[in-house]
């Protein structure tokens, strides 16, 4: 989705302790409620040079 900011990456712990992303919480840039987008297969997130470090921090639970 365009014009949104990833607020949090949602993870699932599967057998043998394997952690995989299953969804993303998205906040519209111009306000509005947070949407949860989930996937059964893959999650692809694209961001610019400024947002990339923030997204990496979200991976480990920091905000």
PDB file of N, CA and C in Angstrom:
ATOM      1  N   UNK A   1       0.848  -1.173   0.000  1.00  0.00           N
ATOM      2  CA  UNK A   1       0.000   0.000   0.000  1.00  0.00           C
ATOM      3  C   UNK A   1       0.889   1.229   0.000  1.00  0.00           C
ATOM      4  N   UNK A   2       0.528   2.174  -0.812  1.00  0.00           N
ATOM      5  CA  UNK A   2       1.307   3.402  -0.886  1.00  0.00           C
ATOM      6  C   UNK A   2       0.815   4.401   0.158  1.00  0.00           C
ATOM      7  N   UNK A   3       1.671   5.384   0.459  1.00  0.00           N
ATOM      8  CA  UNK A   3       1.358   6.457   1.402  1.00  0.00           C
ATOM      9  C   UNK A   3       0.996   5.943   2.788  1.00  0.00           C
ATOM     10  N   UNK A   4       1.713   4.925   3.219  1.00  0.00           N
ATOM     11  CA  UNK A   4       1.538   4.377   4.562  1.00  0.00           C
ATOM     12  C   UNK A   4       2.904   4.185   5.208  1.00  0.00           C
ATOM     13  N   UNK A   5       2.908   4.080   6.520  1.00  0.00           N
ATOM     14  CA  UNK A   5       4.130   3.827   7.281  1.00  0.00           C
ATOM     15  C   UNK A   5       3.939   2.515   8.040  1.00  0.00           C
ATOM     16  N   UNK A   6       4.922   1.636   7.947  1.00  0.00           N
ATOM     17  CA  UNK A   6       4.870   0.378   8.695  1.00  0.00           C
ATOM     18  C   UNK A   6       5.101   0.686  10.167  1.00  0.00           C
ATOM     19  N   UNK A   7       4.117   0.393  11.007  1.00  0.00           N
ATOM     20  CA  UNK A   7       4.215   0.651  12.447  1.00  0.00           C
ATOM     21  C   UNK A   7       4.828  -0.529  13.188  1.00  0.00           C
ATOM     22  N   UNK A   8       4.530  -1.727  12.727  1.00  0.00           N
ATOM     23  CA  UNK A   8       5.014  -2.926  13.402  1.00  0.00           C
ATOM     24  C   UNK A   8       4.915  -4.100  12.443  1.00  0.00           C
ATOM     25  N   UNK A   9       5.900  -4.972  12.520  1.00  0.00           N
ATOM     26  CA  UNK A   9       5.882  -6.209  11.755  1.00  0.00           C
ATOM     27  C   UNK A   9       5.401  -7.310  12.690  1.00  0.00           C
ATOM     28  N   UNK A  10       4.396  -8.059  12.281  1.00  0.00           N
ATOM     29  CA  UNK A  10       3.836  -9.129  13.110  1.00  0.00           C
ATOM     30  C   UNK A  10       4.519 -10.446  12.749  1.00  0.00           C
ATOM     31  N   UNK A  11       4.903 -11.220  13.776  1.00  0.00           N
ATOM     32  CA  UNK A  11       5.619 -12.472  13.572  1.00  0.00           C
ATOM     33  C   UNK A  11       4.858 -13.633  14.181  1.00  0.00           C
ATOM     34  N   UNK A  12       5.140 -14.808  13.660  1.00  0.00           N
ATOM     35  CA  UNK A  12       4.586 -16.053  14.180  1.00  0.00           C
ATOM     36  C   UNK A  12       5.739 -17.002  14.466  1.00  0.00           C
ATOM     37  N   UNK A  13       5.669 -17.697  15.600  1.00  0.00           N
ATOM     38  CA  UNK A  13       6.687 -18.699  15.929  1.00  0.00           C
ATOM     39  C   UNK A  13       6.127 -20.057  15.540  1.00  0.00           C
ATOM     40  N   UNK A  14       6.834 -20.710  14.638  1.00  0.00           N
ATOM     41  CA  UNK A  14       6.391 -22.014  14.147  1.00  0.00           C
ATOM     42  C   UNK A  14       7.211 -23.110  14.801  1.00  0.00           C
ATOM     43  N   UNK A  15       7.004 -24.333  14.377  1.00  0.00           N
ATOM     44  CA  UNK A  15       7.722 -25.468  14.937  1.00  0.00           C
ATOM     45  C   UNK A  15       9.225 -25.280  14.915  1.00  0.00           C
ATOM     46  N   UNK A  16       9.896 -25.846  15.891  1.00  0.00           N
ATOM     47  CA  UNK A  16      11.352 -25.768  16.050  1.00  0.00           C
ATOM     48  C   UNK A  16      11.838 -24.337  16.257  1.00  0.00           C
ATOM     49  N   UNK A  17      10.974 -23.441  16.734  1.00  0.00           N
ATOM     50  CA  UNK A  17      11.371 -22.075  17.042  1.00  0.00           C
ATOM     51  C   UNK A  17      11.594 -21.187  15.836  1.00  0.00           C
ATOM     52  N   UNK A  18      11.114 -21.581  14.665  1.00  0.00           N
ATOM     53  CA  UNK A  18      11.282 -20.769  13.458  1.00  0.00           C
ATOM     54  C   UNK A  18      10.323 -19.584  13.525  1.00  0.00           C
ATOM     55  N   UNK A  19      10.868 -18.372  13.374  1.00  0.00           N
ATOM     56  CA  UNK A  19      10.079 -17.149  13.410  1.00  0.00           C
ATOM     57  C   UNK A  19       9.943 -16.634  11.983  1.00  0.00           C
ATOM     58  N   UNK A  20       8.696 -16.336  11.588  1.00  0.00           N
ATOM     59  CA  UNK A  20       8.504 -15.798  10.247  1.00  0.00           C
ATOM     60  C   UNK A  20       7.489 -14.661  10.293  1.00  0.00           C
ATOM     61  N   UNK A  21       7.668 -13.647   9.431  1.00  0.00           N
ATOM     62  CA  UNK A  21       6.711 -12.545   9.393  1.00  0.00           C
ATOM     63  C   UNK A  21       5.391 -13.010   8.794  1.00  0.00           C
ATOM     64  N   UNK A  22       4.290 -12.567   9.396  1.00  0.00           N
ATOM     65  CA  UNK A  22       2.968 -12.950   8.902  1.00  0.00           C
ATOM     66  C   UNK A  22       2.091 -11.744   8.586  1.00  0.00           C
ATOM     67  N   UNK A  23       2.525 -10.549   8.976  1.00  0.00           N
ATOM     68  CA  UNK A  23       1.722  -9.365   8.708  1.00  0.00           C
ATOM     69  C   UNK A  23       2.438  -8.085   9.074  1.00  0.00           C
ATOM     70  N   UNK A  24       1.788  -6.978   8.731  1.00  0.00           N
ATOM     71  CA  UNK A  24       2.345  -5.648   8.990  1.00  0.00           C
ATOM     72  C   UNK A  24       1.211  -4.739   9.442  1.00  0.00           C
ATOM     73  N   UNK A  25       1.455  -3.924  10.472  1.00  0.00           N
ATOM     74  CA  UNK A  25       0.529  -2.867  10.861  1.00  0.00           C
ATOM     75  C   UNK A  25       0.909  -1.624  10.068  1.00  0.00           C
ATOM     76  N   UNK A  26      -0.049  -1.051   9.344  1.00  0.00           N
ATOM     77  CA  UNK A  26       0.206   0.112   8.502  1.00  0.00           C
ATOM     78  C   UNK A  26      -0.589   1.312   8.983  1.00  0.00           C
ATOM     79  N   UNK A  27       0.076   2.475   9.057  1.00  0.00           N
ATOM     80  CA  UNK A  27      -0.557   3.736   9.439  1.00  0.00           C
ATOM     81  C   UNK A  27      -0.556   4.647   8.218  1.00  0.00           C
ATOM     82  N   UNK A  28      -1.724   5.139   7.771  1.00  0.00           N
ATOM     83  CA  UNK A  28      -1.748   6.078   6.651  1.00  0.00           C
ATOM     84  C   UNK A  28      -0.984   7.354   6.999  1.00  0.00           C
ATOM     85  N   UNK A  29      -0.271   7.915   6.035  1.00  0.00           N
ATOM     86  CA  UNK A  29       0.521   9.127   6.267  1.00  0.00           C
ATOM     87  C   UNK A  29      -0.374  10.299   6.644  1.00  0.00           C
ATOM     88  N   UNK A  30      -1.534  10.414   6.030  1.00  0.00           N
ATOM     89  CA  UNK A  30      -2.408  11.559   6.265  1.00  0.00           C
ATOM     90  C   UNK A  30      -3.451  11.302   7.349  1.00  0.00           C
ATOM     91  N   UNK A  31      -3.146  10.444   8.278  1.00  0.00           N
ATOM     92  CA  UNK A  31      -4.076  10.162   9.366  1.00  0.00           C
ATOM     93  C   UNK A  31      -5.009   9.016   9.037  1.00  0.00           C
ATOM     94  N   UNK A  32      -5.718   8.580  10.014  1.00  0.00           N
ATOM     95  CA  UNK A  32      -6.621   7.444   9.835  1.00  0.00           C
ATOM     96  C   UNK A  32      -6.219   6.317  10.759  1.00  0.00           C
ATOM     97  N   UNK A  33      -6.988   5.261  10.710  1.00  0.00           N
ATOM     98  CA  UNK A  33      -6.735   4.154  11.625  1.00  0.00           C
ATOM     99  C   UNK A  33      -5.686   3.191  11.072  1.00  0.00           C
ATOM    100  N   UNK A  34      -5.058   2.477  11.983  1.00  0.00           N
ATOM    101  CA  UNK A  34      -4.033   1.492  11.624  1.00  0.00           C
ATOM    102  C   UNK A  34      -4.720   0.285  10.994  1.00  0.00           C
ATOM    103  N   UNK A  35      -4.141  -0.203   9.903  1.00  0.00           N
ATOM    104  CA  UNK A  35      -4.657  -1.398   9.237  1.00  0.00           C
ATOM    105  C   UNK A  35      -3.677  -2.534   9.444  1.00  0.00           C
ATOM    106  N   UNK A  36      -4.198  -3.723   9.630  1.00  0.00           N
ATOM    107  CA  UNK A  36      -3.363  -4.913   9.741  1.00  0.00           C
ATOM    108  C   UNK A  36      -3.479  -5.672   8.425  1.00  0.00           C
ATOM    109  N   UNK A  37      -2.338  -5.861   7.767  1.00  0.00           N
ATOM    110  CA  UNK A  37      -2.296  -6.589   6.501  1.00  0.00           C
ATOM    111  C   UNK A  37      -1.537  -7.882   6.753  1.00  0.00           C
ATOM    112  N   UNK A  38      -2.150  -9.013   6.415  1.00  0.00           N
ATOM    113  CA  UNK A  38      -1.508 -10.307   6.633  1.00  0.00           C
ATOM    114  C   UNK A  38      -1.322 -11.032   5.302  1.00  0.00           C
ATOM    115  N   UNK A  39      -0.457 -12.039   5.334  1.00  0.00           N
ATOM    116  CA  UNK A  39      -0.169 -12.815   4.132  1.00  0.00           C
ATOM    117  C   UNK A  39       0.051 -14.273   4.503  1.00  0.00           C
ATOM    118  N   UNK A  40      -0.313 -15.165   3.601  1.00  0.00           N
ATOM    119  CA  UNK A  40      -0.047 -16.588   3.808  1.00  0.00           C
ATOM    120  C   UNK A  40       1.276 -17.008   3.191  1.00  0.00           C
ATOM    121  N   UNK A  41       1.828 -16.172   2.315  1.00  0.00           N
ATOM    122  CA  UNK A  41       3.032 -16.573   1.592  1.00  0.00           C
ATOM    123  C   UNK A  41       4.233 -15.685   1.916  1.00  0.00           C
ATOM    124  N   UNK A  42       4.313 -14.510   1.321  1.00  0.00           N
ATOM    125  CA  UNK A  42       5.465 -13.630   1.517  1.00  0.00           C
ATOM    126  C   UNK A  42       5.006 -12.226   1.859  1.00  0.00           C
ATOM    127  N   UNK A  43       5.883 -11.503   2.550  1.00  0.00           N
ATOM    128  CA  UNK A  43       5.660 -10.093   2.830  1.00  0.00           C
ATOM    129  C   UNK A  43       6.845  -9.337   2.255  1.00  0.00           C
ATOM    130  N   UNK A  44       6.569  -8.392   1.358  1.00  0.00           N
ATOM    131  CA  UNK A  44       7.615  -7.576   0.753  1.00  0.00           C
ATOM    132  C   UNK A  44       7.354  -6.142   1.168  1.00  0.00           C
ATOM    133  N   UNK A  45       8.355  -5.514   1.795  1.00  0.00           N
ATOM    134  CA  UNK A  45       8.226  -4.140   2.254  1.00  0.00           C
ATOM    135  C   UNK A  45       9.329  -3.324   1.606  1.00  0.00           C
ATOM    136  N   UNK A  46       8.957  -2.236   0.944  1.00  0.00           N
ATOM    137  CA  UNK A  46       9.934  -1.346   0.318  1.00  0.00           C
ATOM    138  C   UNK A  46       9.923  -0.016   1.063  1.00  0.00           C
ATOM    139  N   UNK A  47      11.104   0.540   1.277  1.00  0.00           N
ATOM    140  CA  UNK A  47      11.187   1.817   1.967  1.00  0.00           C
ATOM    141  C   UNK A  47      12.400   2.594   1.467  1.00  0.00           C
ATOM    142  N   UNK A  48      12.445   3.865   1.829  1.00  0.00           N
ATOM    143  CA  UNK A  48      13.553   4.707   1.396  1.00  0.00           C
ATOM    144  C   UNK A  48      14.703   4.634   2.395  1.00  0.00           C
ATOM    145  N   UNK A  49      15.754   5.385   2.146  1.00  0.00           N
ATOM    146  CA  UNK A  49      16.954   5.335   2.989  1.00  0.00           C
ATOM    147  C   UNK A  49      16.684   5.799   4.416  1.00  0.00           C
ATOM    148  N   UNK A  50      15.719   6.683   4.605  1.00  0.00           N
ATOM    149  CA  UNK A  50      15.423   7.179   5.952  1.00  0.00           C
ATOM    150  C   UNK A  50      14.582   6.191   6.752  1.00  0.00           C
ATOM    151  N   UNK A  51      13.691   5.484   6.111  1.00  0.00           N
ATOM    152  CA  UNK A  51      12.797   4.560   6.814  1.00  0.00           C
ATOM    153  C   UNK A  51      13.406   3.182   7.019  1.00  0.00           C
ATOM    154  N   UNK A  52      14.409   2.819   6.253  1.00  0.00           N
ATOM    155  CA  UNK A  52      14.985   1.483   6.362  1.00  0.00           C
ATOM    156  C   UNK A  52      15.497   1.187   7.774  1.00  0.00           C
ATOM    157  N   UNK A  53      16.280   2.090   8.416  1.00  0.00           N
ATOM    158  CA  UNK A  53      16.719   1.805   9.795  1.00  0.00           C
ATOM    159  C   UNK A  53      15.544   1.667  10.767  1.00  0.00           C
ATOM    160  N   UNK A  54      14.503   2.484  10.586  1.00  0.00           N
ATOM    161  CA  UNK A  54      13.331   2.386  11.456  1.00  0.00           C
ATOM    162  C   UNK A  54      12.678   1.015  11.304  1.00  0.00           C
ATOM    163  N   UNK A  55      12.570   0.541  10.087  1.00  0.00           N
ATOM    164  CA  UNK A  55      11.954  -0.756   9.848  1.00  0.00           C
ATOM    165  C   UNK A  55      12.774  -1.881  10.461  1.00  0.00           C
ATOM    166  N   UNK A  56      14.086  -1.762  10.419  1.00  0.00           N
ATOM    167  CA  UNK A  56      14.936  -2.768  11.049  1.00  0.00           C
ATOM    168  C   UNK A  56      14.740  -2.776  12.560  1.00  0.00           C
ATOM    169  N   UNK A  57      14.553  -1.597  13.166  1.00  0.00           N
ATOM    170  CA  UNK A  57      14.301  -1.537  14.603  1.00  0.00           C
ATOM    171  C   UNK A  57      12.949  -2.165  14.939  1.00  0.00           C
ATOM    172  N   UNK A  58      11.948  -1.983  14.072  1.00  0.00           N
ATOM    173  CA  UNK A  58      10.640  -2.593  14.305  1.00  0.00           C
ATOM    174  C   UNK A  58      10.739  -4.109  14.291  1.00  0.00           C
ATOM    175  N   UNK A  59      11.683  -4.628  13.558  1.00  0.00           N
ATOM    176  CA  UNK A  59      11.896  -6.081  13.481  1.00  0.00           C
ATOM    177  C   UNK A  59      12.184  -6.645  14.865  1.00  0.00           C
ATOM    178  N   UNK A  60      12.868  -5.874  15.694  1.00  0.00           N
ATOM    179  CA  UNK A  60      13.249  -6.343  17.026  1.00  0.00           C
ATOM    180  C   UNK A  60      12.352  -5.789  18.125  1.00  0.00           C
ATOM    181  N   UNK A  61      11.218  -5.206  17.754  1.00  0.00           N
ATOM    182  CA  UNK A  61      10.239  -4.781  18.744  1.00  0.00           C
ATOM    183  C   UNK A  61      10.396  -3.363  19.242  1.00  0.00           C
ATOM    184  N   UNK A  62      11.399  -2.614  18.782  1.00  0.00           N
ATOM    185  CA  UNK A  62      11.554  -1.218  19.184  1.00  0.00           C
ATOM    186  C   UNK A  62      10.617  -0.364  18.356  1.00  0.00           C
ATOM    187  N   UNK A  63      10.216   0.793  18.903  1.00  0.00           N
ATOM    188  CA  UNK A  63       9.373   1.711  18.138  1.00  0.00           C
ATOM    189  C   UNK A  63       9.971   3.078  18.133  1.00  0.00           C
TER     190      UNK A  63
END
